[in-house]
Each structure stands twice: as C-alpha cells, then as structure tokens.
Amino acid sequence: AEGDTMTRSEAVSSMETGRLDFRKEDSFAHLDARMGLELAVGELMLGRLSEEQLLQFRRLAEATVRSVDAGTIKEPEEFARTNEEFHEYLFMISNNPMLLESYRRLDVHAQMAAAFQAGTPIFERVTQDHLDVVDAFERGDRDRLREVIAAHAHDAKETMAGAIDARAAR
C-alpha cells in the first residue's frame, strides 16, 4: 500500500525466508521486560497459591523437561509451547488482567518459536530453574525466587543470542 516502508520481498514471512524479523536487542528487551513482570507477579502471588495451584505449577515446570536434552533443545515447538505455559501461569491465575495483557504483549514465545530449531543450545539449568521457581513458591522464599528469575532471564538472553546468530549464519 502507498506509504509502506517495506518492500513486498521484505514482508515475506521470516518462516519462509529463514530470516528473523527481530534483532538480539529486541529479544533482550522482551526478556528483560518479562523478568520485571515475573518479579512483580511473584511478589503479588508468593504465599497465595493453593495446593492445587502449586501442583499445576509444578506440572507445567516438569513439562518443559521433555523437550530439552543435554543442553540442547530437541523439540523446539514443544519447548516453546511448554515454556510459555509455565511462564504465563502465574499471570493467568493472578486475577490481574493488566499484568496478563502486559505479559502476553511481549510475545517472547513467538521469538523463541522463530529462533529455535532442533539442536539449539540452551543453558543447562533452564528446566531446573523452572522447578526452582516452584520450590521457592512452596517454601515462600522471596529471595530465592528473585535470584532464580534474574539468573533465568540473564541466561535466556545468552540462549536467544546464540539462536539468533545461528539463524543469521544460515
């Protein structure tokens, strides 16, 4: 259309071209924002989850384990989906539509789905971090929760940087 700044060829889906439509800096900004939102929802929800909610949170954390093996992603679509379900859970049950909407607008899931492929290296403790977040909730350990969320975000940026570089090199 008149006034568009992209050519038709640039508008072709990144899935078709293999080119990503975001940069590392974009991914880092999204991951930092997700960390901030997770710290906030953690503060709001710590000590407020029922036994059933804690069990569901643990099931979601455990589900991410199946798609990762020895520091690599073996099933990228499955990992992106289960990882998203885990990270979104507290926002879903927080009864705070603004937090949930803010989280969903980040769309970290779409960036991961676009960047990851089978064999993408991922930080070794990714799935353990998910379990450690649940453990912190079960114990009501605010300091440990903050520590795990911050470390997880830092290492997720390294994983995304590697995945983005690998896609660009193809």
N, C-alpha and C. Protein backbone atom coordinates (compact mmCIF):
# COMPACT_ATOMS: atom_id res chain seq x y z
N ALA A 1 0.85 -1.18 0.00
CA ALA A 1 0.00 0.00 0.00
C ALA A 1 0.88 1.24 0.00
N GLU A 2 0.31 2.31 -0.47
CA GLU A 2 1.05 3.57 -0.53
C GLU A 2 1.50 3.98 0.87
N GLY A 3 2.74 4.40 0.98
CA GLY A 3 3.26 4.84 2.27
C GLY A 3 3.95 3.74 3.06
N ASP A 4 3.87 2.49 2.61
CA ASP A 4 4.56 1.42 3.31
C ASP A 4 6.06 1.63 3.24
N THR A 5 6.75 1.25 4.28
CA THR A 5 8.20 1.40 4.28
C THR A 5 8.91 0.09 3.94
N MET A 6 8.16 -0.99 3.79
CA MET A 6 8.75 -2.29 3.44
C MET A 6 8.43 -2.63 2.01
N THR A 7 9.38 -3.27 1.36
CA THR A 7 9.09 -3.79 0.03
C THR A 7 8.32 -5.09 0.19
N ARG A 8 7.73 -5.52 -0.89
CA ARG A 8 6.98 -6.78 -0.85
C ARG A 8 7.88 -7.93 -0.43
N SER A 9 9.11 -7.97 -0.94
CA SER A 9 10.01 -9.07 -0.61
C SER A 9 10.42 -9.04 0.86
N GLU A 10 10.53 -7.84 1.45
CA GLU A 10 10.88 -7.75 2.86
C GLU A 10 9.73 -8.22 3.75
N ALA A 11 8.53 -8.13 3.25
CA ALA A 11 7.36 -8.50 4.03
C ALA A 11 7.12 -10.00 4.07
N VAL A 12 7.86 -10.77 3.29
CA VAL A 12 7.69 -12.22 3.28
C VAL A 12 8.03 -12.75 4.67
N SER A 13 7.26 -13.68 5.12
CA SER A 13 7.41 -14.25 6.45
C SER A 13 8.82 -14.73 6.73
N SER A 14 9.27 -14.51 7.97
CA SER A 14 10.58 -14.99 8.37
C SER A 14 10.63 -16.51 8.35
N MET A 15 9.48 -17.16 8.50
CA MET A 15 9.45 -18.62 8.45
C MET A 15 9.76 -19.11 7.05
N GLU A 16 9.38 -18.35 6.04
CA GLU A 16 9.65 -18.75 4.66
C GLU A 16 11.08 -18.44 4.26
N THR A 17 11.63 -17.36 4.74
CA THR A 17 12.97 -16.94 4.33
C THR A 17 14.05 -17.43 5.26
N GLY A 18 13.68 -17.81 6.48
CA GLY A 18 14.66 -18.18 7.48
C GLY A 18 15.24 -16.97 8.18
N ARG A 19 14.88 -15.78 7.73
CA ARG A 19 15.35 -14.54 8.36
C ARG A 19 14.40 -14.16 9.48
N LEU A 20 14.97 -13.77 10.59
CA LEU A 20 14.14 -13.36 11.71
C LEU A 20 13.74 -11.91 11.55
N ASP A 21 12.56 -11.57 12.03
CA ASP A 21 12.07 -10.19 11.89
C ASP A 21 12.31 -9.39 13.17
N PHE A 22 13.27 -9.82 14.00
CA PHE A 22 13.65 -9.09 15.19
C PHE A 22 15.15 -9.25 15.40
N ARG A 23 15.71 -8.33 16.15
CA ARG A 23 17.14 -8.34 16.43
C ARG A 23 17.39 -8.85 17.84
N LYS A 24 18.65 -9.12 18.15
CA LYS A 24 19.00 -9.55 19.50
C LYS A 24 18.54 -8.52 20.53
N GLU A 25 18.74 -7.25 20.22
CA GLU A 25 18.36 -6.20 21.16
C GLU A 25 16.86 -6.23 21.45
N ASP A 26 16.06 -6.55 20.43
CA ASP A 26 14.62 -6.68 20.62
C ASP A 26 14.32 -7.84 21.58
N SER A 27 14.97 -8.95 21.34
CA SER A 27 14.76 -10.12 22.19
C SER A 27 15.19 -9.82 23.62
N PHE A 28 16.33 -9.16 23.79
CA PHE A 28 16.82 -8.83 25.13
C PHE A 28 15.84 -7.92 25.85
N ALA A 29 15.29 -6.94 25.14
CA ALA A 29 14.32 -6.03 25.76
C ALA A 29 13.08 -6.79 26.20
N HIS A 30 12.62 -7.73 25.39
CA HIS A 30 11.45 -8.52 25.76
C HIS A 30 11.74 -9.40 26.97
N LEU A 31 12.93 -10.01 26.98
CA LEU A 31 13.27 -10.88 28.11
C LEU A 31 13.46 -10.07 29.40
N ASP A 32 14.04 -8.88 29.30
CA ASP A 32 14.16 -8.02 30.48
C ASP A 32 12.78 -7.61 31.00
N ALA A 33 11.89 -7.26 30.07
CA ALA A 33 10.53 -6.87 30.47
C ALA A 33 9.81 -8.06 31.10
N ARG A 34 10.00 -9.26 30.52
CA ARG A 34 9.37 -10.43 31.12
C ARG A 34 9.89 -10.65 32.53
N MET A 35 11.20 -10.47 32.72
CA MET A 35 11.77 -10.63 34.06
C MET A 35 11.12 -9.65 35.03
N GLY A 36 10.98 -8.40 34.63
CA GLY A 36 10.35 -7.41 35.50
C GLY A 36 8.93 -7.78 35.86
N LEU A 37 8.18 -8.24 34.87
CA LEU A 37 6.80 -8.65 35.12
C LEU A 37 6.75 -9.89 36.01
N GLU A 38 7.68 -10.82 35.80
CA GLU A 38 7.70 -12.02 36.64
C GLU A 38 8.08 -11.70 38.08
N LEU A 39 8.99 -10.75 38.27
CA LEU A 39 9.32 -10.33 39.63
C LEU A 39 8.09 -9.71 40.30
N ALA A 40 7.36 -8.91 39.53
CA ALA A 40 6.16 -8.27 40.07
C ALA A 40 5.08 -9.28 40.42
N VAL A 41 4.78 -10.19 39.49
CA VAL A 41 3.72 -11.17 39.76
C VAL A 41 4.17 -12.13 40.87
N GLY A 42 5.47 -12.39 40.95
CA GLY A 42 5.97 -13.21 42.05
C GLY A 42 5.71 -12.57 43.40
N GLU A 43 5.96 -11.26 43.48
CA GLU A 43 5.67 -10.52 44.72
C GLU A 43 4.19 -10.60 45.08
N LEU A 44 3.35 -10.46 44.08
CA LEU A 44 1.90 -10.48 44.32
C LEU A 44 1.39 -11.86 44.72
N MET A 45 1.97 -12.89 44.14
CA MET A 45 1.40 -14.23 44.30
C MET A 45 2.08 -15.09 45.36
N LEU A 46 3.29 -14.73 45.79
CA LEU A 46 4.01 -15.54 46.76
C LEU A 46 3.17 -15.68 48.04
N GLY A 47 2.99 -16.91 48.47
CA GLY A 47 2.21 -17.19 49.66
C GLY A 47 0.71 -17.25 49.43
N ARG A 48 0.29 -17.10 48.18
CA ARG A 48 -1.16 -17.07 47.90
C ARG A 48 -1.65 -18.23 47.03
N LEU A 49 -0.77 -19.10 46.63
CA LEU A 49 -1.19 -20.20 45.77
C LEU A 49 -1.74 -21.35 46.62
N SER A 50 -2.83 -21.92 46.14
CA SER A 50 -3.41 -23.09 46.80
C SER A 50 -2.55 -24.31 46.48
N GLU A 51 -2.81 -25.39 47.19
CA GLU A 51 -2.09 -26.65 46.92
C GLU A 51 -2.32 -27.09 45.47
N GLU A 52 -3.54 -26.96 45.00
CA GLU A 52 -3.84 -27.34 43.61
C GLU A 52 -3.07 -26.48 42.62
N GLN A 53 -2.99 -25.19 42.89
CA GLN A 53 -2.25 -24.29 42.00
C GLN A 53 -0.76 -24.61 42.02
N LEU A 54 -0.23 -24.93 43.19
CA LEU A 54 1.18 -25.31 43.27
C LEU A 54 1.44 -26.61 42.51
N LEU A 55 0.53 -27.56 42.61
CA LEU A 55 0.68 -28.82 41.86
C LEU A 55 0.64 -28.57 40.36
N GLN A 56 -0.26 -27.71 39.90
CA GLN A 56 -0.33 -27.39 38.48
C GLN A 56 0.93 -26.65 38.03
N PHE A 57 1.42 -25.74 38.84
CA PHE A 57 2.63 -25.00 38.53
C PHE A 57 3.80 -25.98 38.38
N ARG A 58 3.89 -26.97 39.27
CA ARG A 58 4.95 -27.99 39.18
C ARG A 58 4.78 -28.83 37.92
N ARG A 59 3.56 -29.21 37.59
CA ARG A 59 3.32 -30.00 36.36
C ARG A 59 3.80 -29.22 35.13
N LEU A 60 3.52 -27.92 35.11
CA LEU A 60 3.96 -27.09 33.98
C LEU A 60 5.48 -26.99 33.93
N ALA A 61 6.12 -26.88 35.09
CA ALA A 61 7.59 -26.84 35.13
C ALA A 61 8.17 -28.16 34.62
N GLU A 62 7.60 -29.26 35.05
CA GLU A 62 8.09 -30.58 34.64
C GLU A 62 7.87 -30.84 33.15
N ALA A 63 6.84 -30.25 32.58
CA ALA A 63 6.54 -30.46 31.15
C ALA A 63 7.65 -29.92 30.25
N THR A 64 8.38 -28.91 30.71
CA THR A 64 9.44 -28.34 29.86
C THR A 64 10.64 -29.28 29.76
N VAL A 65 10.77 -30.19 30.70
CA VAL A 65 11.92 -31.09 30.75
C VAL A 65 11.98 -32.01 29.52
N ARG A 66 10.84 -32.43 29.03
CA ARG A 66 10.81 -33.41 27.94
C ARG A 66 11.39 -32.92 26.62
N SER A 67 11.44 -31.61 26.40
CA SER A 67 11.90 -31.10 25.11
C SER A 67 13.35 -30.64 25.11
N VAL A 68 14.04 -30.85 26.23
CA VAL A 68 15.44 -30.43 26.35
C VAL A 68 16.26 -31.66 26.73
N ASP A 69 17.44 -31.78 26.13
CA ASP A 69 18.31 -32.90 26.45
C ASP A 69 19.76 -32.46 26.36
N ALA A 70 20.49 -32.64 27.44
CA ALA A 70 21.92 -32.37 27.47
C ALA A 70 22.29 -30.99 26.92
N GLY A 71 21.55 -30.00 27.34
CA GLY A 71 21.89 -28.64 26.96
C GLY A 71 21.48 -28.23 25.56
N THR A 72 20.60 -29.02 24.93
CA THR A 72 20.08 -28.64 23.62
C THR A 72 18.57 -28.84 23.59
N ILE A 73 17.94 -28.08 22.71
CA ILE A 73 16.50 -28.21 22.52
C ILE A 73 16.28 -29.29 21.48
N LYS A 74 15.59 -30.35 21.89
CA LYS A 74 15.36 -31.43 20.93
C LYS A 74 14.03 -31.28 20.20
N GLU A 75 13.05 -30.64 20.83
CA GLU A 75 11.74 -30.40 20.20
C GLU A 75 11.39 -28.93 20.36
N PRO A 76 11.83 -28.07 19.41
CA PRO A 76 11.67 -26.63 19.59
C PRO A 76 10.23 -26.15 19.74
N GLU A 77 9.30 -26.68 18.97
CA GLU A 77 7.91 -26.24 19.07
C GLU A 77 7.32 -26.61 20.43
N GLU A 78 7.62 -27.83 20.86
CA GLU A 78 7.13 -28.31 22.15
C GLU A 78 7.75 -27.49 23.29
N PHE A 79 9.05 -27.22 23.19
CA PHE A 79 9.69 -26.43 24.23
C PHE A 79 9.09 -25.02 24.29
N ALA A 80 8.94 -24.38 23.14
CA ALA A 80 8.38 -23.01 23.13
C ALA A 80 6.98 -23.00 23.75
N ARG A 81 6.18 -24.02 23.45
CA ARG A 81 4.81 -24.09 23.98
C ARG A 81 4.80 -24.33 25.49
N THR A 82 5.54 -25.35 25.94
CA THR A 82 5.50 -25.69 27.37
C THR A 82 6.20 -24.61 28.21
N ASN A 83 7.24 -24.01 27.66
CA ASN A 83 7.92 -22.92 28.35
C ASN A 83 6.97 -21.74 28.52
N GLU A 84 6.22 -21.42 27.47
CA GLU A 84 5.25 -20.33 27.54
C GLU A 84 4.17 -20.63 28.58
N GLU A 85 3.67 -21.85 28.58
CA GLU A 85 2.63 -22.22 29.55
C GLU A 85 3.13 -22.06 30.98
N PHE A 86 4.38 -22.47 31.22
CA PHE A 86 4.95 -22.32 32.56
C PHE A 86 5.07 -20.84 32.93
N HIS A 87 5.70 -20.06 32.07
CA HIS A 87 5.94 -18.64 32.39
C HIS A 87 4.64 -17.84 32.50
N GLU A 88 3.62 -18.23 31.78
CA GLU A 88 2.36 -17.49 31.78
C GLU A 88 1.46 -17.84 32.97
N TYR A 89 1.70 -18.97 33.59
CA TYR A 89 0.76 -19.49 34.58
C TYR A 89 0.44 -18.50 35.71
N LEU A 90 1.44 -17.92 36.33
CA LEU A 90 1.17 -17.01 37.44
C LEU A 90 0.35 -15.81 36.98
N PHE A 91 0.58 -15.36 35.76
CA PHE A 91 -0.20 -14.24 35.23
C PHE A 91 -1.65 -14.66 35.03
N MET A 92 -1.84 -15.90 34.60
CA MET A 92 -3.19 -16.42 34.37
C MET A 92 -4.00 -16.48 35.67
N ILE A 93 -3.36 -16.87 36.75
CA ILE A 93 -4.09 -17.06 37.99
C ILE A 93 -4.04 -15.84 38.91
N SER A 94 -3.36 -14.79 38.49
CA SER A 94 -3.19 -13.61 39.35
C SER A 94 -4.45 -12.78 39.50
N ASN A 95 -5.43 -13.01 38.65
CA ASN A 95 -6.66 -12.22 38.67
C ASN A 95 -6.36 -10.73 38.44
N ASN A 96 -5.33 -10.50 37.60
CA ASN A 96 -4.94 -9.13 37.27
C ASN A 96 -4.82 -9.05 35.74
N PRO A 97 -5.89 -8.66 35.08
CA PRO A 97 -5.89 -8.65 33.62
C PRO A 97 -4.82 -7.74 33.01
N MET A 98 -4.43 -6.69 33.70
CA MET A 98 -3.40 -5.81 33.16
C MET A 98 -2.03 -6.48 33.14
N LEU A 99 -1.72 -7.21 34.19
CA LEU A 99 -0.45 -7.96 34.20
C LEU A 99 -0.45 -9.02 33.10
N LEU A 100 -1.55 -9.75 32.98
CA LEU A 100 -1.65 -10.79 31.96
C LEU A 100 -1.52 -10.19 30.57
N GLU A 101 -2.21 -9.10 30.31
CA GLU A 101 -2.11 -8.47 28.99
C GLU A 101 -0.71 -7.96 28.73
N SER A 102 -0.07 -7.37 29.72
CA SER A 102 1.31 -6.89 29.56
C SER A 102 2.24 -8.04 29.22
N TYR A 103 2.07 -9.16 29.93
CA TYR A 103 2.90 -10.33 29.66
C TYR A 103 2.68 -10.83 28.24
N ARG A 104 1.44 -10.98 27.85
CA ARG A 104 1.14 -11.53 26.51
C ARG A 104 1.62 -10.62 25.39
N ARG A 105 1.62 -9.33 25.61
CA ARG A 105 2.06 -8.40 24.56
C ARG A 105 3.55 -8.54 24.27
N LEU A 106 4.31 -9.08 25.20
CA LEU A 106 5.74 -9.27 24.97
C LEU A 106 5.99 -10.30 23.87
N ASP A 107 5.17 -11.32 23.83
CA ASP A 107 5.25 -12.36 22.82
C ASP A 107 6.65 -12.99 22.71
N VAL A 108 7.26 -13.25 23.86
CA VAL A 108 8.55 -13.94 23.90
C VAL A 108 8.42 -15.31 23.23
N HIS A 109 7.27 -15.94 23.40
CA HIS A 109 7.01 -17.25 22.80
C HIS A 109 7.24 -17.22 21.29
N ALA A 110 6.72 -16.22 20.61
CA ALA A 110 6.87 -16.13 19.15
C ALA A 110 8.34 -15.97 18.75
N GLN A 111 9.09 -15.22 19.52
CA GLN A 111 10.51 -15.06 19.21
C GLN A 111 11.25 -16.38 19.40
N MET A 112 10.94 -17.09 20.46
CA MET A 112 11.58 -18.38 20.69
C MET A 112 11.21 -19.36 19.58
N ALA A 113 9.94 -19.41 19.24
CA ALA A 113 9.49 -20.32 18.20
C ALA A 113 10.17 -20.02 16.87
N ALA A 114 10.40 -18.76 16.57
CA ALA A 114 11.06 -18.38 15.32
C ALA A 114 12.56 -18.67 15.34
N ALA A 115 13.19 -18.53 16.49
CA ALA A 115 14.65 -18.65 16.56
C ALA A 115 15.14 -20.08 16.83
N PHE A 116 14.38 -20.86 17.59
CA PHE A 116 14.85 -22.19 17.99
C PHE A 116 14.62 -23.22 16.89
N GLN A 117 15.57 -24.11 16.81
CA GLN A 117 15.42 -25.29 15.95
C GLN A 117 15.99 -26.48 16.71
N ALA A 118 15.73 -27.67 16.22
CA ALA A 118 16.25 -28.86 16.90
C ALA A 118 17.76 -28.73 17.00
N GLY A 119 18.29 -28.97 18.19
CA GLY A 119 19.72 -28.88 18.41
C GLY A 119 20.20 -27.52 18.90
N THR A 120 19.30 -26.54 19.00
CA THR A 120 19.70 -25.23 19.51
C THR A 120 20.24 -25.39 20.93
N PRO A 121 21.46 -24.91 21.19
CA PRO A 121 21.98 -24.97 22.56
C PRO A 121 21.15 -24.08 23.49
N ILE A 122 20.93 -24.57 24.69
CA ILE A 122 20.19 -23.82 25.70
C ILE A 122 20.92 -24.00 27.02
N PHE A 123 20.81 -23.02 27.90
CA PHE A 123 21.56 -23.10 29.15
C PHE A 123 21.11 -24.34 29.93
N GLU A 124 22.09 -25.00 30.51
CA GLU A 124 21.90 -26.31 31.15
C GLU A 124 20.80 -26.34 32.21
N ARG A 125 20.68 -25.27 33.02
CA ARG A 125 19.72 -25.34 34.12
C ARG A 125 18.37 -24.75 33.79
N VAL A 126 18.04 -24.60 32.53
CA VAL A 126 16.77 -23.99 32.15
C VAL A 126 15.59 -24.67 32.83
N THR A 127 15.52 -25.98 32.72
CA THR A 127 14.37 -26.68 33.30
C THR A 127 14.48 -26.75 34.82
N GLN A 128 15.71 -26.83 35.35
CA GLN A 128 15.88 -26.81 36.80
C GLN A 128 15.43 -25.47 37.37
N ASP A 129 15.68 -24.39 36.65
CA ASP A 129 15.20 -23.07 37.10
C ASP A 129 13.69 -23.07 37.28
N HIS A 130 12.99 -23.68 36.32
CA HIS A 130 11.52 -23.73 36.43
C HIS A 130 11.12 -24.46 37.72
N LEU A 131 11.76 -25.58 37.97
CA LEU A 131 11.47 -26.33 39.19
C LEU A 131 11.86 -25.55 40.44
N ASP A 132 12.97 -24.79 40.36
CA ASP A 132 13.41 -23.98 41.50
C ASP A 132 12.44 -22.84 41.79
N VAL A 133 11.81 -22.29 40.76
CA VAL A 133 10.79 -21.26 40.97
C VAL A 133 9.62 -21.85 41.76
N VAL A 134 9.19 -23.03 41.36
CA VAL A 134 8.09 -23.69 42.08
C VAL A 134 8.51 -23.99 43.52
N ASP A 135 9.73 -24.48 43.71
CA ASP A 135 10.22 -24.75 45.07
C ASP A 135 10.19 -23.48 45.92
N ALA A 136 10.62 -22.36 45.34
CA ALA A 136 10.62 -21.10 46.07
C ALA A 136 9.19 -20.71 46.47
N PHE A 137 8.24 -20.94 45.58
CA PHE A 137 6.84 -20.67 45.92
C PHE A 137 6.36 -21.58 47.04
N GLU A 138 6.73 -22.84 46.97
CA GLU A 138 6.30 -23.79 48.00
C GLU A 138 6.87 -23.42 49.37
N ARG A 139 8.08 -22.90 49.40
CA ARG A 139 8.72 -22.51 50.66
C ARG A 139 8.45 -21.07 51.06
N GLY A 140 7.87 -20.31 50.15
CA GLY A 140 7.65 -18.89 50.44
C GLY A 140 8.95 -18.10 50.50
N ASP A 141 9.92 -18.52 49.71
CA ASP A 141 11.27 -17.94 49.74
C ASP A 141 11.42 -16.85 48.68
N ARG A 142 11.11 -15.62 49.07
CA ARG A 142 11.13 -14.46 48.17
C ARG A 142 12.53 -14.21 47.60
N ASP A 143 13.57 -14.30 48.41
CA ASP A 143 14.92 -14.04 47.94
C ASP A 143 15.35 -15.06 46.88
N ARG A 144 15.05 -16.32 47.14
CA ARG A 144 15.40 -17.37 46.16
C ARG A 144 14.61 -17.17 44.88
N LEU A 145 13.35 -16.82 44.98
CA LEU A 145 12.52 -16.57 43.80
C LEU A 145 13.13 -15.48 42.94
N ARG A 146 13.50 -14.37 43.55
CA ARG A 146 14.12 -13.26 42.81
C ARG A 146 15.42 -13.70 42.15
N GLU A 147 16.22 -14.42 42.90
CA GLU A 147 17.51 -14.89 42.39
C GLU A 147 17.35 -15.77 41.15
N VAL A 148 16.43 -16.71 41.22
CA VAL A 148 16.22 -17.64 40.10
C VAL A 148 15.65 -16.90 38.88
N ILE A 149 14.69 -16.02 39.09
CA ILE A 149 14.09 -15.28 37.98
C ILE A 149 15.15 -14.43 37.28
N ALA A 150 15.98 -13.74 38.04
CA ALA A 150 17.01 -12.88 37.44
C ALA A 150 18.05 -13.70 36.68
N ALA A 151 18.52 -14.79 37.26
CA ALA A 151 19.52 -15.64 36.60
C ALA A 151 18.93 -16.28 35.34
N HIS A 152 17.68 -16.69 35.42
CA HIS A 152 17.00 -17.31 34.28
C HIS A 152 16.91 -16.32 33.11
N ALA A 153 16.56 -15.09 33.40
CA ALA A 153 16.46 -14.07 32.35
C ALA A 153 17.82 -13.80 31.73
N HIS A 154 18.85 -13.72 32.54
CA HIS A 154 20.20 -13.49 32.03
C HIS A 154 20.62 -14.60 31.07
N ASP A 155 20.43 -15.83 31.49
CA ASP A 155 20.85 -16.96 30.67
C ASP A 155 19.94 -17.15 29.45
N ALA A 156 18.68 -16.77 29.56
CA ALA A 156 17.78 -16.83 28.39
C ALA A 156 18.27 -15.89 27.30
N LYS A 157 18.81 -14.75 27.69
CA LYS A 157 19.35 -13.82 26.70
C LYS A 157 20.53 -14.44 25.96
N GLU A 158 21.39 -15.14 26.68
CA GLU A 158 22.52 -15.82 26.02
C GLU A 158 22.03 -16.89 25.05
N THR A 159 21.02 -17.64 25.46
CA THR A 159 20.45 -18.67 24.58
C THR A 159 19.87 -18.04 23.33
N MET A 160 19.09 -16.97 23.50
CA MET A 160 18.49 -16.30 22.34
C MET A 160 19.55 -15.70 21.44
N ALA A 161 20.61 -15.12 22.00
CA ALA A 161 21.69 -14.55 21.19
C ALA A 161 22.31 -15.63 20.31
N GLY A 162 22.58 -16.79 20.90
CA GLY A 162 23.14 -17.90 20.13
C GLY A 162 22.21 -18.39 19.05
N ALA A 163 20.92 -18.49 19.37
CA ALA A 163 19.93 -18.97 18.39
C ALA A 163 19.79 -17.96 17.24
N ILE A 164 19.79 -16.69 17.56
CA ILE A 164 19.65 -15.65 16.54
C ILE A 164 20.89 -15.64 15.65
N ASP A 165 22.07 -15.74 16.25
CA ASP A 165 23.31 -15.80 15.46
C ASP A 165 23.31 -17.02 14.54
N ALA A 166 22.87 -18.16 15.06
CA ALA A 166 22.84 -19.39 14.25
C ALA A 166 21.89 -19.24 13.06
N ARG A 167 20.74 -18.62 13.29
CA ARG A 167 19.80 -18.41 12.18
C ARG A 167 20.39 -17.47 11.14
N ALA A 168 21.09 -16.44 11.60
CA ALA A 168 21.67 -15.46 10.68
C ALA A 168 22.81 -16.07 9.86
N ALA A 169 23.48 -17.05 10.42
CA ALA A 169 24.61 -17.68 9.72
C ALA A 169 24.17 -18.65 8.63
N ARG A 170 22.89 -19.03 8.65
CA ARG A 170 22.41 -19.99 7.63
C ARG A 170 22.19 -19.34 6.30
